[in-house]
């Protein structure tokens, strides 16, 4: 009886496009007391390799600094995210 060996290669590619206006690139963080870069929850999740839910939980528990825009967009202080 002859045995065959088959090799299967699977490749996955992912493209992430983050669109955002320049007006949110930097702002004052009252908790840090300095001008900081603010990122969206999705960007914060990508930078930390965490889920967006975990980032939101960190906000709720007060572990990261944040700002909420008038239209409801949640922005995370990058300094507090990397501490």
PDB file of N, CA and C in Angstrom:
ATOM      1  N   UNK A   1       0.838  -1.170   0.000  1.00  0.00           N
ATOM      2  CA  UNK A   1       0.000   0.000   0.000  1.00  0.00           C
ATOM      3  C   UNK A   1       0.890   1.242   0.000  1.00  0.00           C
ATOM      4  N   UNK A   2       0.558   2.196  -0.848  1.00  0.00           N
ATOM      5  CA  UNK A   2       1.322   3.434  -0.973  1.00  0.00           C
ATOM      6  C   UNK A   2       0.664   4.557  -0.194  1.00  0.00           C
ATOM      7  N   UNK A   3       1.462   5.370   0.508  1.00  0.00           N
ATOM      8  CA  UNK A   3       0.959   6.493   1.272  1.00  0.00           C
ATOM      9  C   UNK A   3       1.319   7.793   0.564  1.00  0.00           C
ATOM     10  N   UNK A   4       0.324   8.664   0.435  1.00  0.00           N
ATOM     11  CA  UNK A   4       0.579   9.977  -0.170  1.00  0.00           C
ATOM     12  C   UNK A   4       0.669  11.033   0.905  1.00  0.00           C
ATOM     13  N   UNK A   5       1.533  11.972   0.671  1.00  0.00           N
ATOM     14  CA  UNK A   5       1.659  13.103   1.584  1.00  0.00           C
ATOM     15  C   UNK A   5       1.216  14.355   0.833  1.00  0.00           C
ATOM     16  N   UNK A   6       0.251  15.073   1.412  1.00  0.00           N
ATOM     17  CA  UNK A   6      -0.263  16.295   0.803  1.00  0.00           C
ATOM     18  C   UNK A   6       0.008  17.463   1.742  1.00  0.00           C
ATOM     19  N   UNK A   7       0.587  18.512   1.196  1.00  0.00           N
ATOM     20  CA  UNK A   7       0.846  19.721   1.972  1.00  0.00           C
ATOM     21  C   UNK A   7      -0.134  20.803   1.532  1.00  0.00           C
ATOM     22  N   UNK A   8      -0.807  21.375   2.507  1.00  0.00           N
ATOM     23  CA  UNK A   8      -1.751  22.458   2.222  1.00  0.00           C
ATOM     24  C   UNK A   8      -1.250  23.714   2.917  1.00  0.00           C
ATOM     25  N   UNK A   9      -1.143  24.790   2.156  1.00  0.00           N
ATOM     26  CA  UNK A   9      -0.696  26.065   2.696  1.00  0.00           C
ATOM     27  C   UNK A   9      -1.859  27.050   2.658  1.00  0.00           C
ATOM     28  N   UNK A  10      -2.119  27.664   3.801  1.00  0.00           N
ATOM     29  CA  UNK A  10      -3.192  28.653   3.893  1.00  0.00           C
ATOM     30  C   UNK A  10      -2.564  29.996   4.235  1.00  0.00           C
ATOM     31  N   UNK A  11      -2.895  31.008   3.450  1.00  0.00           N
ATOM     32  CA  UNK A  11      -2.389  32.349   3.707  1.00  0.00           C
ATOM     33  C   UNK A  11      -3.563  33.275   3.975  1.00  0.00           C
ATOM     34  N   UNK A  12      -3.397  34.127   4.953  1.00  0.00           N
ATOM     35  CA  UNK A  12      -4.440  35.113   5.270  1.00  0.00           C
ATOM     36  C   UNK A  12      -3.812  36.496   5.239  1.00  0.00           C
ATOM     37  N   UNK A  13      -4.502  37.401   4.621  1.00  0.00           N
ATOM     38  CA  UNK A  13      -4.023  38.783   4.538  1.00  0.00           C
ATOM     39  C   UNK A  13      -5.102  39.690   5.101  1.00  0.00           C
ATOM     40  N   UNK A  14      -4.686  40.695   5.820  1.00  0.00           N
ATOM     41  CA  UNK A  14      -5.635  41.630   6.400  1.00  0.00           C
ATOM     42  C   UNK A  14      -5.143  43.039   6.137  1.00  0.00           C
ATOM     43  N   UNK A  15      -6.033  43.880   5.698  1.00  0.00           N
ATOM     44  CA  UNK A  15      -5.722  45.276   5.448  1.00  0.00           C
ATOM     45  C   UNK A  15      -6.556  46.118   6.388  1.00  0.00           C
ATOM     46  N   UNK A  16      -5.902  46.967   7.135  1.00  0.00           N
ATOM     47  CA  UNK A  16      -6.597  47.845   8.061  1.00  0.00           C
ATOM     48  C   UNK A  16      -6.470  49.269   7.563  1.00  0.00           C
ATOM     49  N   UNK A  17      -7.589  49.925   7.400  1.00  0.00           N
ATOM     50  CA  UNK A  17      -7.600  51.319   6.991  1.00  0.00           C
ATOM     51  C   UNK A  17      -8.271  52.100   8.103  1.00  0.00           C
ATOM     52  N   UNK A  18      -7.540  53.042   8.662  1.00  0.00           N
ATOM     53  CA  UNK A  18      -8.087  53.882   9.725  1.00  0.00           C
ATOM     54  C   UNK A  18      -8.246  55.276   9.150  1.00  0.00           C
ATOM     55  N   UNK A  19      -9.491  55.735   9.105  1.00  0.00           N
ATOM     56  CA  UNK A  19      -9.762  57.076   8.592  1.00  0.00           C
ATOM     57  C   UNK A  19     -10.155  57.963   9.749  1.00  0.00           C
ATOM     58  N   UNK A  20      -9.490  59.086   9.814  1.00  0.00           N
ATOM     59  CA  UNK A  20      -9.759  59.989  10.928  1.00  0.00           C
ATOM     60  C   UNK A  20      -9.265  61.366  10.536  1.00  0.00           C
ATOM     61  N   UNK A  21      -9.966  62.366  10.978  1.00  0.00           N
ATOM     62  CA  UNK A  21      -9.555  63.739  10.722  1.00  0.00           C
ATOM     63  C   UNK A  21      -8.364  64.118  11.574  1.00  0.00           C
ATOM     64  N   UNK A  22      -7.583  65.047  11.108  1.00  0.00           N
ATOM     65  CA  UNK A  22      -6.388  65.484  11.814  1.00  0.00           C
ATOM     66  C   UNK A  22      -6.731  66.155  13.138  1.00  0.00           C
ATOM     67  N   UNK A  23      -7.932  66.669  13.285  1.00  0.00           N
ATOM     68  CA  UNK A  23      -8.297  67.416  14.489  1.00  0.00           C
ATOM     69  C   UNK A  23      -8.228  66.582  15.760  1.00  0.00           C
ATOM     70  N   UNK A  24      -8.235  65.260  15.672  1.00  0.00           N
ATOM     71  CA  UNK A  24      -8.178  64.407  16.844  1.00  0.00           C
ATOM     72  C   UNK A  24      -6.776  63.870  17.115  1.00  0.00           C
ATOM     73  N   UNK A  25      -5.796  64.265  16.322  1.00  0.00           N
ATOM     74  CA  UNK A  25      -4.458  63.706  16.463  1.00  0.00           C
ATOM     75  C   UNK A  25      -3.868  64.003  17.841  1.00  0.00           C
ATOM     76  N   UNK A  26      -4.028  65.208  18.334  1.00  0.00           N
ATOM     77  CA  UNK A  26      -3.508  65.577  19.651  1.00  0.00           C
ATOM     78  C   UNK A  26      -4.510  66.463  20.370  1.00  0.00           C
ATOM     79  N   UNK A  27      -4.525  66.331  21.688  1.00  0.00           N
ATOM     80  CA  UNK A  27      -5.383  67.188  22.500  1.00  0.00           C
ATOM     81  C   UNK A  27      -4.836  67.162  23.928  1.00  0.00           C
ATOM     82  N   UNK A  28      -5.394  67.989  24.773  1.00  0.00           N
ATOM     83  CA  UNK A  28      -4.960  68.076  26.161  1.00  0.00           C
ATOM     84  C   UNK A  28      -5.621  66.974  26.978  1.00  0.00           C
ATOM     85  N   UNK A  29      -4.835  66.231  27.743  1.00  0.00           N
ATOM     86  CA  UNK A  29      -5.365  65.228  28.665  1.00  0.00           C
ATOM     87  C   UNK A  29      -5.279  65.818  30.067  1.00  0.00           C
ATOM     88  N   UNK A  30      -6.433  66.049  30.679  1.00  0.00           N
ATOM     89  CA  UNK A  30      -6.437  66.666  32.011  1.00  0.00           C
ATOM     90  C   UNK A  30      -5.808  65.753  33.062  1.00  0.00           C
ATOM     91  N   UNK A  31      -5.949  64.450  32.917  1.00  0.00           N
ATOM     92  CA  UNK A  31      -5.359  63.524  33.891  1.00  0.00           C
ATOM     93  C   UNK A  31      -3.833  63.472  33.777  1.00  0.00           C
ATOM     94  N   UNK A  32      -3.306  63.522  32.552  1.00  0.00           N
ATOM     95  CA  UNK A  32      -1.852  63.527  32.343  1.00  0.00           C
ATOM     96  C   UNK A  32      -1.257  64.914  32.558  1.00  0.00           C
ATOM     97  N   UNK A  33      -2.067  65.940  32.336  1.00  0.00           N
ATOM     98  CA  UNK A  33      -1.591  67.306  32.455  1.00  0.00           C
ATOM     99  C   UNK A  33      -0.675  67.722  31.328  1.00  0.00           C
ATOM    100  N   UNK A  34      -0.897  67.143  30.158  1.00  0.00           N
ATOM    101  CA  UNK A  34      -0.067  67.486  29.000  1.00  0.00           C
ATOM    102  C   UNK A  34      -0.814  67.192  27.702  1.00  0.00           C
ATOM    103  N   UNK A  35      -0.242  67.678  26.614  1.00  0.00           N
ATOM    104  CA  UNK A  35      -0.801  67.422  25.293  1.00  0.00           C
ATOM    105  C   UNK A  35      -0.419  66.000  24.895  1.00  0.00           C
ATOM    106  N   UNK A  36      -1.407  65.206  24.479  1.00  0.00           N
ATOM    107  CA  UNK A  36      -1.173  63.789  24.168  1.00  0.00           C
ATOM    108  C   UNK A  36      -1.839  63.421  22.853  1.00  0.00           C
ATOM    109  N   UNK A  37      -1.468  62.283  22.336  1.00  0.00           N
ATOM    110  CA  UNK A  37      -2.126  61.736  21.155  1.00  0.00           C
ATOM    111  C   UNK A  37      -3.326  60.933  21.623  1.00  0.00           C
ATOM    112  N   UNK A  38      -4.450  61.145  20.976  1.00  0.00           N
ATOM    113  CA  UNK A  38      -5.667  60.411  21.284  1.00  0.00           C
ATOM    114  C   UNK A  38      -5.981  59.458  20.145  1.00  0.00           C
ATOM    115  N   UNK A  39      -6.380  58.248  20.487  1.00  0.00           N
ATOM    116  CA  UNK A  39      -6.707  57.243  19.482  1.00  0.00           C
ATOM    117  C   UNK A  39      -8.121  56.731  19.732  1.00  0.00           C
ATOM    118  N   UNK A  40      -8.736  56.195  18.702  1.00  0.00           N
ATOM    119  CA  UNK A  40     -10.068  55.621  18.851  1.00  0.00           C
ATOM    120  C   UNK A  40      -9.970  54.292  19.592  1.00  0.00           C
ATOM    121  N   UNK A  41     -11.103  53.771  20.007  1.00  0.00           N
ATOM    122  CA  UNK A  41     -11.139  52.482  20.703  1.00  0.00           C
ATOM    123  C   UNK A  41     -10.598  51.376  19.793  1.00  0.00           C
ATOM    124  N   UNK A  42     -10.957  51.408  18.518  1.00  0.00           N
ATOM    125  CA  UNK A  42     -10.456  50.404  17.572  1.00  0.00           C
ATOM    126  C   UNK A  42      -8.942  50.467  17.430  1.00  0.00           C
ATOM    127  N   UNK A  43      -8.400  51.686  17.330  1.00  0.00           N
ATOM    128  CA  UNK A  43      -6.947  51.845  17.233  1.00  0.00           C
ATOM    129  C   UNK A  43      -6.262  51.366  18.513  1.00  0.00           C
ATOM    130  N   UNK A  44      -6.846  51.692  19.662  1.00  0.00           N
ATOM    131  CA  UNK A  44      -6.289  51.263  20.946  1.00  0.00           C
ATOM    132  C   UNK A  44      -6.258  49.736  21.033  1.00  0.00           C
ATOM    133  N   UNK A  45      -7.314  49.098  20.554  1.00  0.00           N
ATOM    134  CA  UNK A  45      -7.370  47.637  20.562  1.00  0.00           C
ATOM    135  C   UNK A  45      -6.282  47.048  19.668  1.00  0.00           C
ATOM    136  N   UNK A  46      -6.067  47.660  18.518  1.00  0.00           N
ATOM    137  CA  UNK A  46      -5.010  47.176  17.617  1.00  0.00           C
ATOM    138  C   UNK A  46      -3.624  47.376  18.216  1.00  0.00           C
ATOM    139  N   UNK A  47      -3.392  48.511  18.838  1.00  0.00           N
ATOM    140  CA  UNK A  47      -2.081  48.803  19.418  1.00  0.00           C
ATOM    141  C   UNK A  47      -1.742  47.881  20.579  1.00  0.00           C
ATOM    142  N   UNK A  48      -2.749  47.470  21.333  1.00  0.00           N
ATOM    143  CA  UNK A  48      -2.508  46.626  22.514  1.00  0.00           C
ATOM    144  C   UNK A  48      -2.780  45.152  22.265  1.00  0.00           C
ATOM    145  N   UNK A  49      -3.277  44.818  21.084  1.00  0.00           N
ATOM    146  CA  UNK A  49      -3.683  43.443  20.745  1.00  0.00           C
ATOM    147  C   UNK A  49      -4.771  42.933  21.682  1.00  0.00           C
ATOM    148  N   UNK A  50      -5.607  43.836  22.152  1.00  0.00           N
ATOM    149  CA  UNK A  50      -6.742  43.486  23.001  1.00  0.00           C
ATOM    150  C   UNK A  50      -8.031  43.666  22.205  1.00  0.00           C
ATOM    151  N   UNK A  51      -9.120  43.219  22.766  1.00  0.00           N
ATOM    152  CA  UNK A  51     -10.419  43.427  22.123  1.00  0.00           C
ATOM    153  C   UNK A  51     -10.924  44.832  22.443  1.00  0.00           C
ATOM    154  N   UNK A  52     -11.839  45.307  21.623  1.00  0.00           N
ATOM    155  CA  UNK A  52     -12.426  46.613  21.885  1.00  0.00           C
ATOM    156  C   UNK A  52     -13.206  46.579  23.203  1.00  0.00           C
ATOM    157  N   UNK A  53     -13.794  45.441  23.518  1.00  0.00           N
ATOM    158  CA  UNK A  53     -14.528  45.302  24.786  1.00  0.00           C
ATOM    159  C   UNK A  53     -13.591  45.468  25.978  1.00  0.00           C
ATOM    160  N   UNK A  54     -12.371  44.915  25.882  1.00  0.00           N
ATOM    161  CA  UNK A  54     -11.407  45.043  26.977  1.00  0.00           C
ATOM    162  C   UNK A  54     -10.978  46.504  27.146  1.00  0.00           C
ATOM    163  N   UNK A  55     -10.829  47.212  26.033  1.00  0.00           N
ATOM    164  CA  UNK A  55     -10.479  48.637  26.095  1.00  0.00           C
ATOM    165  C   UNK A  55     -11.619  49.409  26.764  1.00  0.00           C
ATOM    166  N   UNK A  56     -12.852  49.115  26.380  1.00  0.00           N
ATOM    167  CA  UNK A  56     -14.008  49.786  26.989  1.00  0.00           C
ATOM    168  C   UNK A  56     -14.106  49.476  28.480  1.00  0.00           C
ATOM    169  N   UNK A  57     -13.782  48.256  28.859  1.00  0.00           N
ATOM    170  CA  UNK A  57     -13.785  47.886  30.273  1.00  0.00           C
ATOM    171  C   UNK A  57     -12.728  48.693  31.029  1.00  0.00           C
ATOM    172  N   UNK A  58     -11.569  48.892  30.419  1.00  0.00           N
ATOM    173  CA  UNK A  58     -10.506  49.691  31.031  1.00  0.00           C
ATOM    174  C   UNK A  58     -10.964  51.134  31.241  1.00  0.00           C
ATOM    175  N   UNK A  59     -11.721  51.651  30.285  1.00  0.00           N
ATOM    176  CA  UNK A  59     -12.280  53.003  30.412  1.00  0.00           C
ATOM    177  C   UNK A  59     -13.268  53.043  31.574  1.00  0.00           C
ATOM    178  N   UNK A  60     -14.171  52.060  31.613  1.00  0.00           N
ATOM    179  CA  UNK A  60     -15.185  52.007  32.672  1.00  0.00           C
ATOM    180  C   UNK A  60     -14.558  51.890  34.061  1.00  0.00           C
ATOM    181  N   UNK A  61     -13.434  51.173  34.153  1.00  0.00           N
ATOM    182  CA  UNK A  61     -12.761  50.964  35.442  1.00  0.00           C
ATOM    183  C   UNK A  61     -11.792  52.092  35.782  1.00  0.00           C
ATOM    184  N   UNK A  62     -11.641  53.073  34.872  1.00  0.00           N
ATOM    185  CA  UNK A  62     -10.785  54.222  35.131  1.00  0.00           C
ATOM    186  C   UNK A  62      -9.304  53.949  34.979  1.00  0.00           C
ATOM    187  N   UNK A  63      -8.937  52.873  34.292  1.00  0.00           N
ATOM    188  CA  UNK A  63      -7.511  52.545  34.114  1.00  0.00           C
ATOM    189  C   UNK A  63      -6.850  53.314  32.984  1.00  0.00           C
ATOM    190  N   UNK A  64      -7.652  53.831  32.046  1.00  0.00           N
ATOM    191  CA  UNK A  64      -7.105  54.653  30.963  1.00  0.00           C
ATOM    192  C   UNK A  64      -7.853  55.978  30.915  1.00  0.00           C
ATOM    193  N   UNK A  65      -7.175  56.999  30.446  1.00  0.00           N
ATOM    194  CA  UNK A  65      -7.775  58.321  30.312  1.00  0.00           C
ATOM    195  C   UNK A  65      -8.516  58.377  28.980  1.00  0.00           C
ATOM    196  N   UNK A  66      -9.577  59.157  28.928  1.00  0.00           N
ATOM    197  CA  UNK A  66     -10.368  59.229  27.705  1.00  0.00           C
ATOM    198  C   UNK A  66     -11.070  60.566  27.590  1.00  0.00           C
ATOM    199  N   UNK A  67     -11.525  60.832  26.393  1.00  0.00           N
ATOM    200  CA  UNK A  67     -12.377  61.992  26.104  1.00  0.00           C
ATOM    201  C   UNK A  67     -13.501  61.498  25.221  1.00  0.00           C
ATOM    202  N   UNK A  68     -14.646  62.107  25.365  1.00  0.00           N
ATOM    203  CA  UNK A  68     -15.764  61.790  24.486  1.00  0.00           C
ATOM    204  C   UNK A  68     -16.105  63.047  23.701  1.00  0.00           C
ATOM    205  N   UNK A  69     -16.184  62.909  22.391  1.00  0.00           N
ATOM    206  CA  UNK A  69     -16.491  64.053  21.545  1.00  0.00           C
ATOM    207  C   UNK A  69     -17.982  64.349  21.604  1.00  0.00           C
ATOM    208  N   UNK A  70     -18.370  65.478  21.070  1.00  0.00           N
ATOM    209  CA  UNK A  70     -19.769  65.874  21.060  1.00  0.00           C
ATOM    210  C   UNK A  70     -20.664  64.904  20.307  1.00  0.00           C
ATOM    211  N   UNK A  71     -20.091  64.217  19.307  1.00  0.00           N
ATOM    212  CA  UNK A  71     -20.889  63.260  18.542  1.00  0.00           C
ATOM    213  C   UNK A  71     -20.771  61.825  19.075  1.00  0.00           C
ATOM    214  N   UNK A  72     -20.215  61.684  20.294  1.00  0.00           N
ATOM    215  CA  UNK A  72     -20.195  60.376  20.954  1.00  0.00           C
ATOM    216  C   UNK A  72     -18.994  59.498  20.669  1.00  0.00           C
ATOM    217  N   UNK A  73     -17.987  60.011  19.966  1.00  0.00           N
ATOM    218  CA  UNK A  73     -16.789  59.228  19.677  1.00  0.00           C
ATOM    219  C   UNK A  73     -15.900  59.192  20.914  1.00  0.00           C
ATOM    220  N   UNK A  74     -15.508  58.003  21.323  1.00  0.00           N
ATOM    221  CA  UNK A  74     -14.660  57.823  22.495  1.00  0.00           C
ATOM    222  C   UNK A  74     -13.208  57.809  22.058  1.00  0.00           C
ATOM    223  N   UNK A  75     -12.394  58.704  22.619  1.00  0.00           N
ATOM    224  CA  UNK A  75     -10.974  58.799  22.285  1.00  0.00           C
ATOM    225  C   UNK A  75     -10.149  58.463  23.519  1.00  0.00           C
ATOM    226  N   UNK A  76      -9.138  57.630  23.327  1.00  0.00           N
ATOM    227  CA  UNK A  76      -8.311  57.120  24.415  1.00  0.00           C
ATOM    228  C   UNK A  76      -6.963  57.831  24.407  1.00  0.00           C
ATOM    229  N   UNK A  77      -6.489  58.240  25.587  1.00  0.00           N
ATOM    230  CA  UNK A  77      -5.172  58.858  25.743  1.00  0.00           C
ATOM    231  C   UNK A  77      -4.106  57.780  25.546  1.00  0.00           C
ATOM    232  N   UNK A  78      -3.248  57.978  24.573  1.00  0.00           N
ATOM    233  CA  UNK A  78      -2.224  56.988  24.259  1.00  0.00           C
ATOM    234  C   UNK A  78      -1.238  56.802  25.402  1.00  0.00           C
ATOM    235  N   UNK A  79      -0.923  57.899  26.130  1.00  0.00           N
ATOM    236  CA  UNK A  79       0.006  57.784  27.263  1.00  0.00           C
ATOM    237  C   UNK A  79      -0.523  56.837  28.334  1.00  0.00           C
ATOM    238  N   UNK A  80      -1.802  56.971  28.683  1.00  0.00           N
ATOM    239  CA  UNK A  80      -2.363  56.120  29.731  1.00  0.00           C
ATOM    240  C   UNK A  80      -2.549  54.691  29.239  1.00  0.00           C
ATOM    241  N   UNK A  81      -2.670  54.511  27.953  1.00  0.00           N
ATOM    242  CA  UNK A  81      -2.846  53.170  27.385  1.00  0.00           C
ATOM    243  C   UNK A  81      -1.557  52.362  27.472  1.00  0.00           C
ATOM    244  N   UNK A  82      -0.420  53.038  27.360  1.00  0.00           N
ATOM    245  CA  UNK A  82       0.875  52.330  27.351  1.00  0.00           C
ATOM    246  C   UNK A  82       1.531  52.242  28.713  1.00  0.00           C
ATOM    247  N   UNK A  83       0.870  52.766  29.754  1.00  0.00           N
ATOM    248  CA  UNK A  83       1.449  52.703  31.110  1.00  0.00           C
ATOM    249  C   UNK A  83       1.211  51.359  31.740  1.00  0.00           C
TER     250      UNK A  83
END
